[in-house]
Every structure is written in structure tokens, then in C-alpha cells.
Amino acid sequence: MHHTLTNRHYLNTNWEFTQIGGGQANNDGEWLQASKPVTSVHVELLKLKKIPDPFVGLNEHEVQCKDSLPSILPSKSWINTRYV
């Protein structure tokens, strides 16, 4: 039996991520475009200019996830698995 492939879905593009409940980087329910499927939230937020560069000045302290201090990335859950 011969099978033919009729539809191809390339999984290396069209990925999005969000922060559950929203935060400073996005609104509740807002999905942000990821540049590639294998990445990290910090890398993608930096590319989208949603966070300051952690390697400049004291910005590293602003983008760390901490329960006791306000930050751009509070310790809420992030999802990085939506393919559109």
C-alpha cells in the first residue's frame, strides 16, 4: 500500500507564549510570538523588547523571578507550548 503525504506542518515557526494571568510584559490572554520553538521566556521577552537587557547596568535584578520583590517576570507560570 502506497501512502502519499498531502499536508505538511513545519513545527519550527508559529509558536507563541503567554504568562497566565498577565503581567508587566503582557496582558491576560495575550500571546506573544516566539522566534523559534526551542527557546526560553527571558530570551523571547528580550527579543520583543518587553524586558531590559540583563547584561546592561543593574537590569539583571529587574528581570529575575522573585516572590518578595516586584519584577517584570513575577513568579507566575509561563506557557511556551502553543502552536498556531
Protein backbone atom coordinates (compact mmCIF):
# COMPACT_ATOMS: atom_id res chain seq x y z
CA MET A 1 0.00 0.00 0.00
CA HIS A 2 1.38 3.41 -1.00
CA HIS A 3 0.70 6.43 1.22
CA THR A 4 1.03 9.97 -0.04
CA LEU A 5 1.68 12.96 2.16
CA THR A 6 -0.90 15.63 1.42
CA ASN A 7 -0.27 18.20 4.16
CA ARG A 8 2.96 19.20 5.78
CA HIS A 9 3.13 21.11 9.03
CA TYR A 10 6.54 22.53 9.84
CA LEU A 11 6.89 22.96 13.58
CA ASN A 12 9.83 25.37 13.50
CA THR A 13 7.62 28.51 13.26
CA ASN A 14 4.32 29.89 14.58
CA TRP A 15 4.92 29.32 18.31
CA GLU A 16 3.54 31.69 20.94
CA PHE A 17 3.90 32.08 24.70
CA THR A 18 1.97 33.81 27.46
CA GLN A 19 2.01 34.50 31.18
CA ILE A 20 -1.02 33.07 32.96
CA GLY A 21 -2.98 35.97 34.38
CA GLY A 22 -0.86 38.54 32.56
CA GLY A 23 1.87 40.73 34.00
CA GLN A 24 4.06 43.68 33.04
CA ALA A 25 5.20 42.02 29.81
CA ASN A 26 1.75 41.01 28.53
CA ASN A 27 -1.95 41.32 29.26
CA ASP A 28 -4.08 38.42 30.50
CA GLY A 29 -4.84 36.23 27.49
CA GLU A 30 -2.29 37.99 25.25
CA TRP A 31 0.03 35.62 23.42
CA LEU A 32 3.47 36.79 22.30
CA GLN A 33 5.21 35.44 19.19
CA ALA A 34 8.24 33.22 19.88
CA SER A 35 11.08 33.38 17.38
CA LYS A 36 11.67 29.61 17.47
CA PRO A 37 10.21 26.59 19.30
CA VAL A 38 13.25 25.77 21.45
CA THR A 39 13.87 28.92 23.47
CA SER A 40 13.34 30.48 26.89
CA VAL A 41 10.91 33.11 28.14
CA HIS A 42 13.73 35.54 29.01
CA VAL A 43 15.30 35.28 25.53
CA GLU A 44 11.99 35.86 23.77
CA LEU A 45 10.95 38.78 26.01
CA LEU A 46 14.34 40.39 25.38
CA LYS A 47 13.93 39.99 21.59
CA LEU A 48 10.45 41.56 21.80
CA LYS A 49 11.86 44.43 23.92
CA LYS A 50 9.46 43.57 26.75
CA ILE A 51 12.31 43.44 29.30
CA PRO A 52 15.56 45.42 29.61
CA ASP A 53 18.84 43.77 28.63
CA PRO A 54 20.00 41.93 31.79
CA PHE A 55 23.66 42.45 30.79
CA VAL A 56 23.41 46.25 30.94
CA GLY A 57 23.81 48.08 34.24
CA LEU A 58 21.73 46.62 37.07
CA ASN A 59 18.96 45.34 34.78
CA GLU A 60 19.65 41.75 35.86
CA HIS A 61 17.91 42.45 39.17
CA GLU A 62 14.81 43.78 37.38
CA VAL A 63 14.23 40.64 35.31
CA GLN A 64 14.76 37.99 37.99
CA CYS A 65 11.78 35.97 39.21
CA LYS A 66 11.42 36.65 42.93
CA ASP A 67 8.40 36.26 45.21
CA SER A 68 9.38 39.04 47.62
CA LEU A 69 10.36 41.77 45.14
CA PRO A 70 8.36 43.30 42.30
CA SER A 71 9.80 42.38 38.95
CA ILE A 72 8.96 42.25 35.28
CA LEU A 73 8.83 38.47 35.47
CA PRO A 74 6.87 37.65 38.63
CA SER A 75 6.84 34.03 39.67
CA LYS A 76 3.61 33.25 37.82
CA SER A 77 3.53 30.36 35.39
CA TRP A 78 4.57 30.87 31.78
CA ILE A 79 3.34 28.65 28.98
CA ASN A 80 5.52 28.12 25.91
CA THR A 81 3.65 25.44 24.02
CA ARG A 82 1.03 26.97 21.73
CA TYR A 83 1.41 26.30 18.04
CA VAL A 84 -0.76 28.46 15.76
